[in-house]
Amino acid sequence: NDRGVSFTFGAEIVSKFLHKHDLDLICRAHQVVEDGYEFFAKRQLVTLFSAPNYCGEFDNAGAMMSVDETLMCSFQILKPSEKKAKTPSLNNSRPVTPPRGGGNPGMKDALTKDGKKPM
């Protein structure tokens, strides 16, 4: 991919990996899929993505997968919510949080919201 940190593989590799490790299914994540989950390689691999409307840029659903005691998988779909107009932040009047760990030497002339020097 563009970041150079992933590998591409096909259905045959999935089948060989499952056989070698005596598994029935690969469940993977961290890739946006439109419906929240997506099967690949004759349902031997499933991609899950749990964040609906990811970053406000994708109109994707999210999904959660449950596996019961018989290893039956089921999915709960998280639909993206209606897009709302952005409202002003309620924290606009909140003063800046001071730095931790004894303060910042570069902040010695800073004032609090009421105009006093911090202690």
Protein backbone atom coordinates (compact mmCIF):
# COMPACT_ATOMS: atom_id res chain seq x y z
CA ASN A 1 0.00 0.00 0.00
CA ASP A 2 0.98 3.67 -0.01
CA ARG A 3 2.49 3.50 3.49
CA GLY A 4 4.64 0.50 2.59
CA VAL A 5 3.76 -1.43 5.74
CA SER A 6 1.50 -4.21 4.51
CA PHE A 7 1.47 -7.32 2.38
CA THR A 8 -0.94 -8.47 -0.31
CA PHE A 9 -1.98 -12.12 -0.45
CA GLY A 10 -4.47 -14.26 -2.32
CA ALA A 11 -6.99 -16.96 -1.48
CA GLU A 12 -4.46 -19.77 -2.00
CA ILE A 13 -2.14 -18.34 0.68
CA VAL A 14 -5.08 -18.08 3.09
CA SER A 15 -5.98 -21.75 2.50
CA LYS A 16 -2.37 -22.91 2.95
CA PHE A 17 -1.97 -20.92 6.17
CA LEU A 18 -5.21 -22.31 7.64
CA HIS A 19 -4.25 -25.89 6.74
CA LYS A 20 -0.70 -25.53 8.11
CA HIS A 21 -1.94 -24.17 11.45
CA ASP A 22 -5.09 -26.35 11.70
CA LEU A 23 -7.45 -23.35 11.71
CA ASP A 24 -10.82 -22.73 10.09
CA LEU A 25 -10.96 -18.94 9.89
CA ILE A 26 -8.71 -15.88 9.93
CA CYS A 27 -10.26 -12.79 11.46
CA ARG A 28 -8.40 -9.58 10.67
CA ALA A 29 -9.07 -5.89 11.18
CA HIS A 30 -7.69 -2.38 10.72
CA GLN A 31 -9.00 -1.90 7.18
CA VAL A 32 -12.15 0.04 6.31
CA VAL A 33 -14.82 -2.15 4.71
CA GLU A 34 -18.15 -0.67 3.61
CA ASP A 35 -20.50 -3.03 5.46
CA GLY A 36 -18.43 -3.39 8.65
CA TYR A 37 -17.28 -6.88 7.73
CA GLU A 38 -16.26 -8.59 4.51
CA PHE A 39 -15.43 -12.21 3.70
CA PHE A 40 -12.62 -13.33 1.40
CA ALA A 41 -11.25 -16.63 0.11
CA LYS A 42 -14.49 -18.66 0.22
CA ARG A 43 -15.33 -17.31 3.70
CA GLN A 44 -12.00 -18.49 5.14
CA LEU A 45 -11.01 -14.93 6.07
CA VAL A 46 -13.13 -12.10 7.44
CA THR A 47 -12.13 -8.45 7.76
CA LEU A 48 -13.85 -6.54 10.57
CA PHE A 49 -13.97 -2.78 11.01
CA SER A 50 -15.83 -1.45 14.03
CA ALA A 51 -15.83 2.33 13.45
CA PRO A 52 -18.90 3.52 11.52
CA ASN A 53 -18.45 6.67 9.40
CA TYR A 54 -14.69 6.40 9.90
CA CYS A 55 -13.04 9.81 10.40
CA GLY A 56 -16.20 11.45 9.04
CA GLU A 57 -14.91 10.64 5.55
CA PHE A 58 -16.31 7.19 4.83
CA ASP A 59 -19.99 6.32 4.88
CA ASN A 60 -19.14 2.84 6.15
CA ALA A 61 -20.93 0.72 8.71
CA GLY A 62 -19.05 -0.83 11.60
CA ALA A 63 -19.39 -4.41 12.82
CA MET A 64 -18.77 -6.60 15.83
CA MET A 65 -18.35 -10.35 15.50
CA SER A 66 -19.45 -12.82 18.17
CA VAL A 67 -18.38 -16.45 18.24
CA ASP A 68 -20.55 -18.91 20.19
CA GLU A 69 -19.52 -22.16 21.88
CA THR A 70 -20.09 -24.10 18.62
CA LEU A 71 -17.78 -21.63 16.81
CA MET A 72 -20.71 -20.10 14.90
CA CYS A 73 -19.91 -16.49 13.99
CA SER A 74 -22.57 -13.78 13.98
CA PHE A 75 -22.31 -10.08 13.28
CA GLN A 76 -23.85 -6.97 14.78
CA ILE A 77 -23.86 -4.04 12.37
CA LEU A 78 -23.25 -0.49 13.57
CA LYS A 79 -24.86 1.85 11.05
CA PRO A 80 -23.32 5.29 10.50
CA SER A 81 -25.34 8.01 12.22
CA GLU A 82 -26.97 10.85 10.35
CA LYS A 83 -24.47 13.56 9.53
CA LYS A 84 -25.09 16.58 11.75
CA ALA A 85 -24.03 20.16 11.24
CA LYS A 86 -21.01 20.97 13.34
CA THR A 87 -21.88 22.91 16.47
CA PRO A 88 -19.49 25.22 18.29
CA SER A 89 -17.45 23.53 20.98
CA LEU A 90 -18.77 23.83 24.51
CA ASN A 91 -15.19 24.16 25.77
CA ASN A 92 -14.39 27.49 24.06
CA SER A 93 -14.51 29.30 27.42
CA ARG A 94 -12.39 26.73 29.24
CA PRO A 95 -8.97 28.02 30.33
CA VAL A 96 -5.86 26.36 28.99
CA THR A 97 -4.67 23.41 31.08
CA PRO A 98 -1.27 24.22 32.62
CA PRO A 99 1.67 21.96 31.79
CA ARG A 100 2.40 19.02 34.12
CA GLY A 101 5.61 18.23 35.94
CA GLY A 102 6.57 21.52 37.58
CA GLY A 103 5.65 23.84 34.77
CA ASN A 104 7.39 25.07 31.69
CA PRO A 105 10.20 27.67 32.04
CA GLY A 106 9.01 29.34 28.85
CA MET A 107 5.60 29.96 30.45
CA LYS A 108 6.84 32.16 33.36
CA ASP A 109 4.89 35.22 32.14
CA ALA A 110 1.63 33.37 31.49
CA LEU A 111 -1.56 34.64 33.12
CA THR A 112 -4.67 32.75 34.13
CA LYS A 113 -8.09 33.58 32.68
CA ASP A 114 -8.74 36.20 35.40
CA GLY A 115 -5.43 37.96 34.70
CA LYS A 116 -3.49 36.63 37.69
CA LYS A 117 -0.13 34.89 37.55
CA PRO A 118 -0.36 31.14 38.14
CA MET A 119 0.97 29.84 41.48
